[in-house]
PDB file of N, CA and C in Angstrom:
ATOM      1  N   MET A   1      -2.121  -9.681  49.892  1.00  0.00           N
ATOM      2  CA  MET A   1      -1.824 -10.676  48.714  1.00  0.00           C
ATOM      3  C   MET A   1      -0.429  -9.880  47.920  1.00  0.00           C
ATOM      4  N   LYS A   2      -0.413  -8.621  47.754  1.00  0.00           N
ATOM      5  CA  LYS A   2       1.095  -8.246  47.032  1.00  0.00           C
ATOM      6  C   LYS A   2       2.161  -8.418  47.814  1.00  0.00           C
ATOM      7  N   ASN A   3       1.933  -8.811  49.530  1.00  0.00           N
ATOM      8  CA  ASN A   3       3.131  -8.596  49.519  1.00  0.00           C
ATOM      9  C   ASN A   3       3.492 -10.145  49.707  1.00  0.00           C
ATOM     10  N   ASN A   4       2.743 -10.618  49.304  1.00  0.00           N
ATOM     11  CA  ASN A   4       3.228 -12.829  49.417  1.00  0.00           C
ATOM     12  C   ASN A   4       3.546 -12.992  47.934  1.00  0.00           C
ATOM     13  N   LEU A   5       3.652 -12.184  47.177  1.00  0.00           N
ATOM     14  CA  LEU A   5       3.694 -13.104  45.458  1.00  0.00           C
ATOM     15  C   LEU A   5       4.621 -11.874  45.018  1.00  0.00           C
ATOM     16  N   ASP A   6       5.668 -12.669  44.363  1.00  0.00           N
ATOM     17  CA  ASP A   6       6.199 -11.671  43.917  1.00  0.00           C
ATOM     18  C   ASP A   6       6.148 -12.258  42.297  1.00  0.00           C
ATOM     19  N   ALA A   7       5.727 -11.517  41.248  1.00  0.00           N
ATOM     20  CA  ALA A   7       5.526 -11.723  40.215  1.00  0.00           C
ATOM     21  C   ALA A   7       7.071 -12.553  39.143  1.00  0.00           C
ATOM     22  N   ALA A   8       8.158 -12.195  39.741  1.00  0.00           N
ATOM     23  CA  ALA A   8       9.449 -11.934  39.073  1.00  0.00           C
ATOM     24  C   ALA A   8      10.102 -13.870  39.325  1.00  0.00           C
ATOM     25  N   ALA A   9       9.272 -13.821  40.763  1.00  0.00           N
ATOM     26  CA  ALA A   9       9.363 -15.378  41.303  1.00  0.00           C
ATOM     27  C   ALA A   9       8.472 -16.089  41.738  1.00  0.00           C
ATOM     28  N   LEU A  10       7.695 -16.459  41.383  1.00  0.00           N
ATOM     29  CA  LEU A  10       6.129 -17.210  41.328  1.00  0.00           C
ATOM     30  C   LEU A  10       6.460 -18.527  41.148  1.00  0.00           C
ATOM     31  N   ASP A  11       6.606 -19.211  41.993  1.00  0.00           N
ATOM     32  CA  ASP A  11       6.149 -20.631  41.760  1.00  0.00           C
ATOM     33  C   ASP A  11       4.787 -20.926  42.603  1.00  0.00           C
ATOM     34  N   ILE A  12       4.151 -21.407  41.530  1.00  0.00           N
ATOM     35  CA  ILE A  12       2.625 -21.099  41.859  1.00  0.00           C
ATOM     36  C   ILE A  12       2.869 -22.947  42.247  1.00  0.00           C
ATOM     37  N   SER A  13       3.417 -23.544  41.965  1.00  0.00           N
ATOM     38  CA  SER A  13       2.963 -25.120  42.875  1.00  0.00           C
ATOM     39  C   SER A  13       3.271 -25.498  44.062  1.00  0.00           C
ATOM     40  N   SER A  14       3.599 -24.172  44.604  1.00  0.00           N
ATOM     41  CA  SER A  14       4.441 -23.879  46.500  1.00  0.00           C
ATOM     42  C   SER A  14       3.212 -23.405  46.913  1.00  0.00           C
ATOM     43  N   LEU A  15       2.414 -22.408  46.184  1.00  0.00           N
ATOM     44  CA  LEU A  15       1.200 -21.653  46.855  1.00  0.00           C
ATOM     45  C   LEU A  15       0.011 -22.220  47.195  1.00  0.00           C
ATOM     46  N   ALA A  16      -0.569 -21.786  48.238  1.00  0.00           N
ATOM     47  CA  ALA A  16      -1.697 -22.472  48.884  1.00  0.00           C
ATOM     48  C   ALA A  16      -3.057 -22.842  48.130  1.00  0.00           C
ATOM     49  N   THR A  17      -3.702 -23.414  47.996  1.00  0.00           N
ATOM     50  CA  THR A  17      -4.908 -23.396  47.311  1.00  0.00           C
ATOM     51  C   THR A  17      -5.725 -22.260  47.126  1.00  0.00           C
ATOM     52  N   LEU A  18      -6.270 -20.909  48.733  1.00  0.00           N
ATOM     53  CA  LEU A  18      -6.646 -19.896  48.826  1.00  0.00           C
ATOM     54  C   LEU A  18      -5.853 -19.353  47.777  1.00  0.00           C
ATOM     55  N   GLN A  19      -4.557 -19.071  48.046  1.00  0.00           N
ATOM     56  CA  GLN A  19      -3.359 -18.035  47.744  1.00  0.00           C
ATOM     57  C   GLN A  19      -3.686 -18.462  46.038  1.00  0.00           C
ATOM     58  N   LEU A  20      -4.115 -19.243  45.258  1.00  0.00           N
ATOM     59  CA  LEU A  20      -3.616 -19.291  43.859  1.00  0.00           C
ATOM     60  C   LEU A  20      -5.458 -18.526  43.739  1.00  0.00           C
ATOM     61  N   PHE A  21      -6.758 -18.833  44.346  1.00  0.00           N
ATOM     62  CA  PHE A  21      -8.035 -18.631  44.389  1.00  0.00           C
ATOM     63  C   PHE A  21      -7.349 -16.637  44.140  1.00  0.00           C
ATOM     64  N   GLU A  22      -6.505 -16.478  45.169  1.00  0.00           N
ATOM     65  CA  GLU A  22      -6.713 -15.022  44.937  1.00  0.00           C
ATOM     66  C   GLU A  22      -5.453 -14.541  44.050  1.00  0.00           C
ATOM     67  N   LEU A  23      -5.318 -14.555  43.795  1.00  0.00           N
ATOM     68  CA  LEU A  23      -4.163 -14.856  42.425  1.00  0.00           C
ATOM     69  C   LEU A  23      -5.364 -14.959  41.173  1.00  0.00           C
ATOM     70  N   ASN A  24      -5.979 -16.121  41.242  1.00  0.00           N
ATOM     71  CA  ASN A  24      -6.441 -15.921  39.988  1.00  0.00           C
ATOM     72  C   ASN A  24      -7.726 -14.836  39.644  1.00  0.00           C
ATOM     73  N   ALA A  25      -7.988 -14.833  41.091  1.00  0.00           N
ATOM     74  CA  ALA A  25      -9.225 -13.444  41.093  1.00  0.00           C
ATOM     75  C   ALA A  25      -8.099 -11.944  41.043  1.00  0.00           C
ATOM     76  N   ALA A  26      -7.112 -11.819  41.492  1.00  0.00           N
ATOM     77  CA  ALA A  26      -6.336 -10.595  40.855  1.00  0.00           C
ATOM     78  C   ALA A  26      -6.138 -10.382  39.087  1.00  0.00           C
ATOM     79  N   VAL A  27      -5.747 -11.297  38.978  1.00  0.00           N
ATOM     80  CA  VAL A  27      -5.479 -11.625  37.471  1.00  0.00           C
ATOM     81  C   VAL A  27      -6.498 -11.013  36.510  1.00  0.00           C
ATOM     82  N   MET A  28      -7.832 -12.056  36.978  1.00  0.00           N
ATOM     83  CA  MET A  28      -9.105 -11.402  36.415  1.00  0.00           C
ATOM     84  C   MET A  28      -9.267 -10.250  36.165  1.00  0.00           C
ATOM     85  N   GLN A  29      -9.586  -9.444  37.567  1.00  0.00           N
ATOM     86  CA  GLN A  29      -9.783  -7.926  37.888  1.00  0.00           C
ATOM     87  C   GLN A  29      -8.844  -7.259  37.159  1.00  0.00           C
ATOM     88  N   GLU A  30      -7.567  -7.709  37.190  1.00  0.00           N
ATOM     89  CA  GLU A  30      -6.405  -6.691  36.208  1.00  0.00           C
ATOM     90  C   GLU A  30      -6.515  -6.947  34.732  1.00  0.00           C
ATOM     91  N   LEU A  31      -7.279  -7.908  34.170  1.00  0.00           N
ATOM     92  CA  LEU A  31      -7.720  -8.073  32.793  1.00  0.00           C
ATOM     93  C   LEU A  31      -9.332  -7.452  32.486  1.00  0.00           C
ATOM     94  N   GLN A  32     -10.212  -7.014  33.314  1.00  0.00           N
ATOM     95  CA  GLN A  32     -11.435  -6.484  33.638  1.00  0.00           C
ATOM     96  C   GLN A  32     -11.109  -5.266  32.939  1.00  0.00           C
ATOM     97  N   ARG A  33     -10.042  -4.783  34.188  1.00  0.00           N
ATOM     98  CA  ARG A  33      -9.698  -3.484  34.005  1.00  0.00           C
ATOM     99  C   ARG A  33      -9.530  -2.486  32.536  1.00  0.00           C
ATOM    100  N   ARG A  34      -8.492  -3.780  32.048  1.00  0.00           N
ATOM    101  CA  ARG A  34      -7.467  -3.173  31.568  1.00  0.00           C
ATOM    102  C   ARG A  34      -8.342  -3.644  29.443  1.00  0.00           C
ATOM    103  N   MET A  35      -9.588  -4.505  29.809  1.00  0.00           N
ATOM    104  CA  MET A  35     -10.185  -4.228  28.946  1.00  0.00           C
ATOM    105  C   MET A  35     -11.450  -3.365  28.590  1.00  0.00           C
ATOM    106  N   SER A  36     -11.369  -2.986  30.286  1.00  0.00           N
ATOM    107  CA  SER A  36     -12.613  -2.027  30.085  1.00  0.00           C
ATOM    108  C   SER A  36     -11.679  -0.433  29.304  1.00  0.00           C
ATOM    109  N   GLN A  37     -10.898  -0.382  29.803  1.00  0.00           N
ATOM    110  CA  GLN A  37      -9.964   0.862  29.044  1.00  0.00           C
ATOM    111  C   GLN A  37     -10.220   0.900  27.752  1.00  0.00           C
ATOM    112  N   PRO A  38     -10.646   2.731  27.031  1.00  0.00           N
ATOM    113  CA  PRO A  38     -10.699   2.826  25.724  1.00  0.00           C
ATOM    114  C   PRO A  38      -9.449   2.615  24.614  1.00  0.00           C
ATOM    115  N   LYS A  39      -9.679   1.517  23.607  1.00  0.00           N
ATOM    116  CA  LYS A  39      -8.766   1.330  23.114  1.00  0.00           C
ATOM    117  C   LYS A  39      -7.848   2.015  21.579  1.00  0.00           C
ATOM    118  N   ILE A  40      -6.765   2.097  21.465  1.00  0.00           N
ATOM    119  CA  ILE A  40      -6.221   3.160  20.726  1.00  0.00           C
ATOM    120  C   ILE A  40      -5.920   2.576  19.917  1.00  0.00           C
ATOM    121  N   GLU A  41      -6.640   2.499  18.873  1.00  0.00           N
ATOM    122  CA  GLU A  41      -6.412   2.174  17.540  1.00  0.00           C
ATOM    123  C   GLU A  41      -5.713   3.199  17.191  1.00  0.00           C
ATOM    124  N   SER A  42      -4.631   2.932  16.152  1.00  0.00           N
ATOM    125  CA  SER A  42      -3.909   3.971  15.088  1.00  0.00           C
ATOM    126  C   SER A  42      -4.136   3.475  13.517  1.00  0.00           C
ATOM    127  N   GLN A  43      -3.836   4.003  13.209  1.00  0.00           N
ATOM    128  CA  GLN A  43      -4.438   3.673  11.535  1.00  0.00           C
ATOM    129  C   GLN A  43      -2.526   3.362  11.041  1.00  0.00           C
ATOM    130  N   PRO A  44      -2.790   2.525  10.258  1.00  0.00           N
ATOM    131  CA  PRO A  44      -1.197   2.135   9.756  1.00  0.00           C
ATOM    132  C   PRO A  44      -0.434   3.685   8.475  1.00  0.00           C
ATOM    133  N   GLU A  45       0.744   3.481   8.885  1.00  0.00           N
ATOM    134  CA  GLU A  45       1.343   4.756   7.892  1.00  0.00           C
ATOM    135  C   GLU A  45       0.692   4.231   6.366  1.00  0.00           C
ATOM    136  N   GLU A  46       0.687   5.172   5.444  1.00  0.00           N
ATOM    137  CA  GLU A  46       0.329   5.003   4.451  1.00  0.00           C
ATOM    138  C   GLU A  46       1.578   4.997   3.531  1.00  0.00           C
ATOM    139  N   ILE A  47       1.969   4.158   2.794  1.00  0.00           N
ATOM    140  CA  ILE A  47       2.938   3.640   2.358  1.00  0.00           C
ATOM    141  C   ILE A  47       2.578   4.240   0.935  1.00  0.00           C
ATOM    142  N   GLN A  48       3.785   5.121   0.790  1.00  0.00           N
ATOM    143  CA  GLN A  48       3.568   5.762  -0.575  1.00  0.00           C
ATOM    144  C   GLN A  48       4.764   5.245  -2.120  1.00  0.00           C
ATOM    145  N   LYS A  49       4.435   5.068  -2.561  1.00  0.00           N
ATOM    146  CA  LYS A  49       5.322   4.266  -3.519  1.00  0.00           C
ATOM    147  C   LYS A  49       5.657   5.348  -4.772  1.00  0.00           C
ATOM    148  N   VAL A  50       7.160   4.187  -5.058  1.00  0.00           N
ATOM    149  CA  VAL A  50       8.129   5.105  -5.791  1.00  0.00           C
ATOM    150  C   VAL A  50       7.988   4.964  -7.279  1.00  0.00           C
ATOM    151  N   VAL A  51       7.786   6.276  -7.845  1.00  0.00           N
ATOM    152  CA  VAL A  51       7.148   5.781  -9.708  1.00  0.00           C
ATOM    153  C   VAL A  51       8.087   6.923 -10.096  1.00  0.00           C
ATOM    154  N   PHE A  52       8.948   6.087 -10.969  1.00  0.00           N
ATOM    155  CA  PHE A  52      10.025   6.286 -11.630  1.00  0.00           C
ATOM    156  C   PHE A  52       9.499   7.046 -12.848  1.00  0.00           C
ATOM    157  N   ALA A  53      10.124   8.751 -13.076  1.00  0.00           N
ATOM    158  CA  ALA A  53       9.118   9.407 -14.339  1.00  0.00           C
ATOM    159  C   ALA A  53      10.006   9.281 -15.590  1.00  0.00           C
ATOM    160  N   PRO A  54       9.769   9.381 -16.842  1.00  0.00           N
ATOM    161  CA  PRO A  54      10.916   9.097 -18.067  1.00  0.00           C
ATOM    162  C   PRO A  54      11.237  10.735 -17.147  1.00  0.00           C
ATOM    163  N   LYS A  55      12.513  10.792 -18.564  1.00  0.00           N
ATOM    164  CA  LYS A  55      13.058  12.111 -18.678  1.00  0.00           C
ATOM    165  C   LYS A  55      12.203  13.676 -19.438  1.00  0.00           C
ATOM    166  N   ALA A  56      12.566  14.316 -19.039  1.00  0.00           N
ATOM    167  CA  ALA A  56      11.641  15.642 -19.928  1.00  0.00           C
ATOM    168  C   ALA A  56      11.934  15.191 -21.529  1.00  0.00           C
ATOM    169  N   PHE A  57      12.334  14.743 -21.523  1.00  0.00           N
ATOM    170  CA  PHE A  57      12.672  14.797 -23.551  1.00  0.00           C
ATOM    171  C   PHE A  57      11.740  13.506 -24.096  1.00  0.00           C
ATOM    172  N   GLU A  58      12.164  12.393 -23.045  1.00  0.00           N
ATOM    173  CA  GLU A  58      10.768  11.381 -22.841  1.00  0.00           C
ATOM    174  C   GLU A  58       9.516  11.953 -23.003  1.00  0.00           C
ATOM    175  N   VAL A  59       9.406  12.338 -21.696  1.00  0.00           N
ATOM    176  CA  VAL A  59       7.639  13.232 -21.606  1.00  0.00           C
ATOM    177  C   VAL A  59       7.353  13.422 -22.775  1.00  0.00           C
ATOM    178  N   THR A  60       8.277  14.565 -23.668  1.00  0.00           N
ATOM    179  CA  THR A  60       7.715  15.263 -24.552  1.00  0.00           C
ATOM    180  C   THR A  60       7.372  14.451 -25.671  1.00  0.00           C
ATOM    181  N   PHE A  61       8.246  13.441 -26.032  1.00  0.00           N
ATOM    182  CA  PHE A  61       7.867  12.652 -27.047  1.00  0.00           C
ATOM    183  C   PHE A  61       6.460  11.484 -26.611  1.00  0.00           C
ATOM    184  N   ILE A  62       6.686  11.767 -25.514  1.00  0.00           N
ATOM    185  CA  ILE A  62       5.056  10.388 -25.673  1.00  0.00           C
ATOM    186  C   ILE A  62       4.002  11.486 -25.622  1.00  0.00           C
ATOM    187  N   ASN A  63       4.594  12.325 -25.181  1.00  0.00           N
ATOM    188  CA  ASN A  63       2.963  13.518 -25.073  1.00  0.00           C
ATOM    189  C   ASN A  63       2.503  13.870 -27.016  1.00  0.00           C
ATOM    190  N   ASN A  64       3.241  13.934 -27.258  1.00  0.00           N
ATOM    191  CA  ASN A  64       3.784  14.172 -29.094  1.00  0.00           C
ATOM    192  C   ASN A  64       3.276  12.855 -30.206  1.00  0.00           C
ATOM    193  N   THR A  65       3.343  12.181 -29.168  1.00  0.00           N
ATOM    194  CA  THR A  65       3.127  11.062 -29.624  1.00  0.00           C
ATOM    195  C   THR A  65       1.909  10.973 -29.849  1.00  0.00           C
ATOM    196  N   LEU A  66       1.261  10.863 -28.711  1.00  0.00           N
ATOM    197  CA  LEU A  66      -0.142  10.840 -28.175  1.00  0.00           C
ATOM    198  C   LEU A  66      -0.714  11.901 -28.894  1.00  0.00           C
ATOM    199  N   ARG A  67      -0.555  13.233 -28.711  1.00  0.00           N
ATOM    200  CA  ARG A  67      -1.489  13.561 -30.189  1.00  0.00           C
ATOM    201  C   ARG A  67      -1.605  13.266 -31.510  1.00  0.00           C
ATOM    202  N   GLU A  68      -0.138  12.835 -31.936  1.00  0.00           N
ATOM    203  CA  GLU A  68      -0.051  12.604 -33.350  1.00  0.00           C
ATOM    204  C   GLU A  68      -1.035  11.355 -33.517  1.00  0.00           C
ATOM    205  N   ALA A  69      -0.910  10.284 -32.630  1.00  0.00           N
ATOM    206  CA  ALA A  69      -2.021   9.398 -33.190  1.00  0.00           C
ATOM    207  C   ALA A  69      -3.521   9.351 -32.590  1.00  0.00           C
ATOM    208  N   LYS A  70      -3.669  10.362 -32.257  1.00  0.00           N
ATOM    209  CA  LYS A  70      -5.031  11.204 -31.960  1.00  0.00           C
ATOM    210  C   LYS A  70      -5.444  11.672 -33.278  1.00  0.00           C
ATOM    211  N   LYS A  71      -4.495  12.305 -34.110  1.00  0.00           N
ATOM    212  CA  LYS A  71      -5.152  13.062 -35.580  1.00  0.00           C
ATOM    213  C   LYS A  71      -5.171  12.152 -36.511  1.00  0.00           C
ATOM    214  N   GLY A  72      -4.627  10.427 -36.200  1.00  0.00           N
ATOM    215  CA  GLY A  72      -4.046   9.846 -37.094  1.00  0.00           C
ATOM    216  C   GLY A  72      -2.942   9.286 -37.118  1.00  0.00           C
ATOM    217  N   TYR A  73      -2.344   9.132 -38.017  1.00  0.00           N
ATOM    218  CA  TYR A  73      -1.067   8.232 -38.561  1.00  0.00           C
ATOM    219  C   TYR A  73      -0.168   8.507 -37.614  1.00  0.00           C
ATOM    220  N   VAL A  74       0.469   7.416 -36.959  1.00  0.00           N
ATOM    221  CA  VAL A  74       2.066   7.300 -37.096  1.00  0.00           C
ATOM    222  C   VAL A  74       2.515   6.258 -37.106  1.00  0.00           C
ATOM    223  N   THR A  75       4.026   6.527 -37.317  1.00  0.00           N
ATOM    224  CA  THR A  75       5.178   5.963 -38.012  1.00  0.00           C
ATOM    225  C   THR A  75       5.084   4.198 -37.137  1.00  0.00           C
ATOM    226  N   ALA A  76       5.296   2.964 -37.640  1.00  0.00           N
ATOM    227  CA  ALA A  76       5.458   1.565 -36.798  1.00  0.00           C
ATOM    228  C   ALA A  76       6.973   2.223 -35.811  1.00  0.00           C
ATOM    229  N   ASN A  77       7.262   2.724 -36.246  1.00  0.00           N
ATOM    230  CA  ASN A  77       8.714   3.163 -35.624  1.00  0.00           C
ATOM    231  C   ASN A  77       8.820   3.695 -34.535  1.00  0.00           C
ATOM    232  N   ILE A  78       8.112   4.851 -34.430  1.00  0.00           N
ATOM    233  CA  ILE A  78       7.719   5.466 -33.298  1.00  0.00           C
ATOM    234  C   ILE A  78       6.867   4.971 -32.376  1.00  0.00           C
ATOM    235  N   LYS A  79       5.700   3.843 -32.801  1.00  0.00           N
ATOM    236  CA  LYS A  79       5.030   3.169 -31.922  1.00  0.00           C
ATOM    237  C   LYS A  79       5.892   2.312 -31.384  1.00  0.00           C
ATOM    238  N   ASP A  80       6.875   1.574 -32.284  1.00  0.00           N
ATOM    239  CA  ASP A  80       7.991   0.465 -31.286  1.00  0.00           C
ATOM    240  C   ASP A  80       8.541   1.395 -30.239  1.00  0.00           C
ATOM    241  N   GLN A  81       9.302   2.880 -30.275  1.00  0.00           N
ATOM    242  CA  GLN A  81       9.873   3.548 -29.417  1.00  0.00           C
ATOM    243  C   GLN A  81       9.019   3.759 -27.887  1.00  0.00           C
ATOM    244  N   TYR A  82       7.414   3.745 -28.142  1.00  0.00           N
ATOM    245  CA  TYR A  82       6.540   5.034 -27.372  1.00  0.00           C
ATOM    246  C   TYR A  82       6.241   3.205 -26.551  1.00  0.00           C
ATOM    247  N   LYS A  83       6.572   1.728 -27.320  1.00  0.00           N
ATOM    248  CA  LYS A  83       5.988   1.180 -26.360  1.00  0.00           C
ATOM    249  C   LYS A  83       7.363   0.522 -25.472  1.00  0.00           C
ATOM    250  N   GLU A  84       8.324   0.557 -26.309  1.00  0.00           N
ATOM    251  CA  GLU A  84       9.944   0.622 -24.913  1.00  0.00           C
ATOM    252  C   GLU A  84      10.251   1.593 -24.383  1.00  0.00           C
ATOM    253  N   LEU A  85       9.449   2.812 -24.277  1.00  0.00           N
ATOM    254  CA  LEU A  85       8.927   3.961 -23.043  1.00  0.00           C
ATOM    255  C   LEU A  85       8.198   3.114 -21.593  1.00  0.00           C
ATOM    256  N   HIS A  86       7.188   2.327 -22.329  1.00  0.00           N
ATOM    257  CA  HIS A  86       6.519   2.024 -21.230  1.00  0.00           C
ATOM    258  C   HIS A  86       6.785   0.810 -20.710  1.00  0.00           C
ATOM    259  N   LYS A  87       7.689  -0.457 -21.087  1.00  0.00           N
ATOM    260  CA  LYS A  87       8.532  -0.826 -20.478  1.00  0.00           C
ATOM    261  C   LYS A  87       9.137  -0.174 -19.438  1.00  0.00           C
ATOM    262  N   ARG A  88      10.183   0.085 -19.471  1.00  0.00           N
ATOM    263  CA  ARG A  88      10.678   1.253 -19.431  1.00  0.00           C
ATOM    264  C   ARG A  88      10.188   1.846 -18.126  1.00  0.00           C
ATOM    265  N   TYR A  89       8.971   2.427 -18.409  1.00  0.00           N
ATOM    266  CA  TYR A  89       8.282   3.205 -16.853  1.00  0.00           C
ATOM    267  C   TYR A  89       6.766   3.095 -17.204  1.00  0.00           C
ATOM    268  N   PRO A  90       6.563   1.857 -16.550  1.00  0.00           N
ATOM    269  CA  PRO A  90       4.836   1.174 -16.807  1.00  0.00           C
ATOM    270  C   PRO A  90       3.912   1.951 -15.445  1.00  0.00           C
ATOM    271  N   GLU A  91       4.917   2.541 -14.217  1.00  0.00           N
ATOM    272  CA  GLU A  91       4.201   2.959 -13.161  1.00  0.00           C
ATOM    273  C   GLU A  91       3.331   3.957 -13.259  1.00  0.00           C
ATOM    274  N   TRP A  92       4.320   4.945 -14.044  1.00  0.00           N
ATOM    275  CA  TRP A  92       4.139   6.204 -14.783  1.00  0.00           C
ATOM    276  C   TRP A  92       3.225   6.118 -15.465  1.00  0.00           C
ATOM    277  N   PHE A  93       3.074   5.515 -16.793  1.00  0.00           N
ATOM    278  CA  PHE A  93       2.154   5.842 -17.727  1.00  0.00           C
ATOM    279  C   PHE A  93       0.907   4.753 -16.932  1.00  0.00           C
ATOM    280  N   GLN A  94       0.269   4.132 -15.849  1.00  0.00           N
ATOM    281  CA  GLN A  94      -0.240   3.970 -15.377  1.00  0.00           C
ATOM    282  C   GLN A  94      -0.668   5.453 -14.417  1.00  0.00           C
ATOM    283  N   LEU A  95      -0.096   5.550 -13.744  1.00  0.00           N
ATOM    284  CA  LEU A  95      -0.453   6.995 -12.911  1.00  0.00           C
ATOM    285  C   LEU A  95      -1.165   8.014 -14.387  1.00  0.00           C
ATOM    286  N   ASN A  96      -0.870   8.083 -15.217  1.00  0.00           N
ATOM    287  CA  ASN A  96      -0.872   9.438 -15.884  1.00  0.00           C
ATOM    288  C   ASN A  96      -2.246   8.668 -16.714  1.00  0.00           C
ATOM    289  N   HIS A  97      -2.832   7.574 -16.889  1.00  0.00           N
ATOM    290  CA  HIS A  97      -3.297   7.119 -17.897  1.00  0.00           C
ATOM    291  C   HIS A  97      -3.123   6.943 -19.021  1.00  0.00           C
ATOM    292  N   TYR A  98      -2.069   6.205 -19.088  1.00  0.00           N
ATOM    293  CA  TYR A  98      -1.725   6.467 -20.616  1.00  0.00           C
ATOM    294  C   TYR A  98      -1.502   5.276 -21.074  1.00  0.00           C
ATOM    295  N   PRO A  99      -1.805   5.025 -22.453  1.00  0.00           N
ATOM    296  CA  PRO A  99      -1.971   3.511 -22.598  1.00  0.00           C
ATOM    297  C   PRO A  99      -0.492   2.771 -23.080  1.00  0.00           C
ATOM    298  N   SER A 100      -0.664   1.576 -22.700  1.00  0.00           N
ATOM    299  CA  SER A 100       0.455   0.878 -22.724  1.00  0.00           C
ATOM    300  C   SER A 100       0.822   0.561 -24.442  1.00  0.00           C
ATOM    301  N   ASP A 101       0.578   1.018 -25.280  1.00  0.00           N
ATOM    302  CA  ASP A 101       0.664   0.745 -26.660  1.00  0.00           C
ATOM    303  C   ASP A 101      -0.181   1.901 -27.323  1.00  0.00           C
ATOM    304  N   LEU A 102       0.150   1.794 -28.364  1.00  0.00           N
ATOM    305  CA  LEU A 102      -0.457   2.875 -29.744  1.00  0.00           C
ATOM    306  C   LEU A 102      -1.233   1.694 -30.482  1.00  0.00           C
ATOM    307  N   ARG A 103      -1.557   0.560 -30.485  1.00  0.00           N
ATOM    308  CA  ARG A 103      -1.824  -0.357 -31.572  1.00  0.00           C
ATOM    309  C   ARG A 103      -3.106  -0.926 -30.696  1.00  0.00           C
ATOM    310  N   GLY A 104      -4.139  -1.042 -31.231  1.00  0.00           N
ATOM    311  CA  GLY A 104      -5.434  -1.644 -30.776  1.00  0.00           C
ATOM    312  C   GLY A 104      -6.106  -1.129 -30.012  1.00  0.00           C
ATOM    313  N   ARG A 105      -6.787  -2.058 -28.548  1.00  0.00           N
ATOM    314  CA  ARG A 105      -7.772  -1.929 -27.684  1.00  0.00           C
ATOM    315  C   ARG A 105      -7.453  -0.594 -26.649  1.00  0.00           C
ATOM    316  N   ASP A 106      -6.791  -0.875 -26.240  1.00  0.00           N
ATOM    317  CA  ASP A 106      -5.770   0.320 -24.957  1.00  0.00           C
ATOM    318  C   ASP A 106      -5.501   1.437 -25.448  1.00  0.00           C
ATOM    319  N   PHE A 107      -5.259   1.767 -26.646  1.00  0.00           N
ATOM    320  CA  PHE A 107      -5.449   3.375 -27.106  1.00  0.00           C
ATOM    321  C   PHE A 107      -6.406   3.611 -27.779  1.00  0.00           C
ATOM    322  N   ARG A 108      -7.454   2.838 -28.134  1.00  0.00           N
ATOM    323  CA  ARG A 108      -8.750   3.180 -28.251  1.00  0.00           C
ATOM    324  C   ARG A 108      -9.428   4.007 -27.014  1.00  0.00           C
ATOM    325  N   GLU A 109      -9.062   2.789 -25.847  1.00  0.00           N
ATOM    326  CA  GLU A 109      -9.957   3.148 -24.631  1.00  0.00           C
ATOM    327  C   GLU A 109      -9.446   4.645 -24.089  1.00  0.00           C
ATOM    328  N   TRP A 110      -8.142   4.443 -24.608  1.00  0.00           N
ATOM    329  CA  TRP A 110      -7.676   5.917 -23.918  1.00  0.00           C
ATOM    330  C   TRP A 110      -8.193   7.059 -25.021  1.00  0.00           C
ATOM    331  N   ASN A 111      -8.093   7.120 -25.779  1.00  0.00           N
ATOM    332  CA  ASN A 111      -8.304   7.570 -26.751  1.00  0.00           C
ATOM    333  C   ASN A 111      -9.914   8.774 -26.393  1.00  0.00           C
ATOM    334  N   THR A 112     -10.850   7.087 -26.252  1.00  0.00           N
ATOM    335  CA  THR A 112     -12.434   7.733 -25.963  1.00  0.00           C
ATOM    336  C   THR A 112     -12.521   8.270 -24.553  1.00  0.00           C
ATOM    337  N   TYR A 113     -12.229   7.741 -23.687  1.00  0.00           N
ATOM    338  CA  TYR A 113     -12.548   7.666 -22.383  1.00  0.00           C
ATOM    339  C   TYR A 113     -10.844   8.754 -21.583  1.00  0.00           C
ATOM    340  N   TYR A 114      -9.761   8.913 -21.841  1.00  0.00           N
ATOM    341  CA  TYR A 114      -8.978   9.611 -21.167  1.00  0.00           C
ATOM    342  C   TYR A 114      -8.489  10.856 -21.365  1.00  0.00           C
ATOM    343  N   SER A 115      -8.214  11.158 -23.018  1.00  0.00           N
ATOM    344  CA  SER A 115      -7.986  12.323 -23.473  1.00  0.00           C
ATOM    345  C   SER A 115      -8.400  12.773 -23.653  1.00  0.00           C
ATOM    346  N   LYS A 116      -8.516  14.421 -23.966  1.00  0.00           N
ATOM    347  CA  LYS A 116      -8.848  16.041 -24.333  1.00  0.00           C
ATOM    348  C   LYS A 116      -9.564  16.226 -25.092  1.00  0.00           C
TER     349      LYS A 116
END
């Protein structure tokens, strides 16, 4: 059968019925052979997200502000500057479990669960 059939130029309408059955059987055998082989499953490559970090002096400001906020009073101007930094680097704040704002629930939760 291999001699009679050229896969590249196969005109199935010109084949005899017996040849079609032989072709069908050969195709089924090949499919069965392929299905019985162990499957190679590769895990997708882990995508690493790029997070932009604040400059060193901004990190110092953020840490000092959080330390002072834990002690008590921080001026509204400082809170606004902190919030602006959060708007510029939201992924970094989330990665470090820092609050998005020093006002309200977000800061209270951080102070209770994440601060040392």
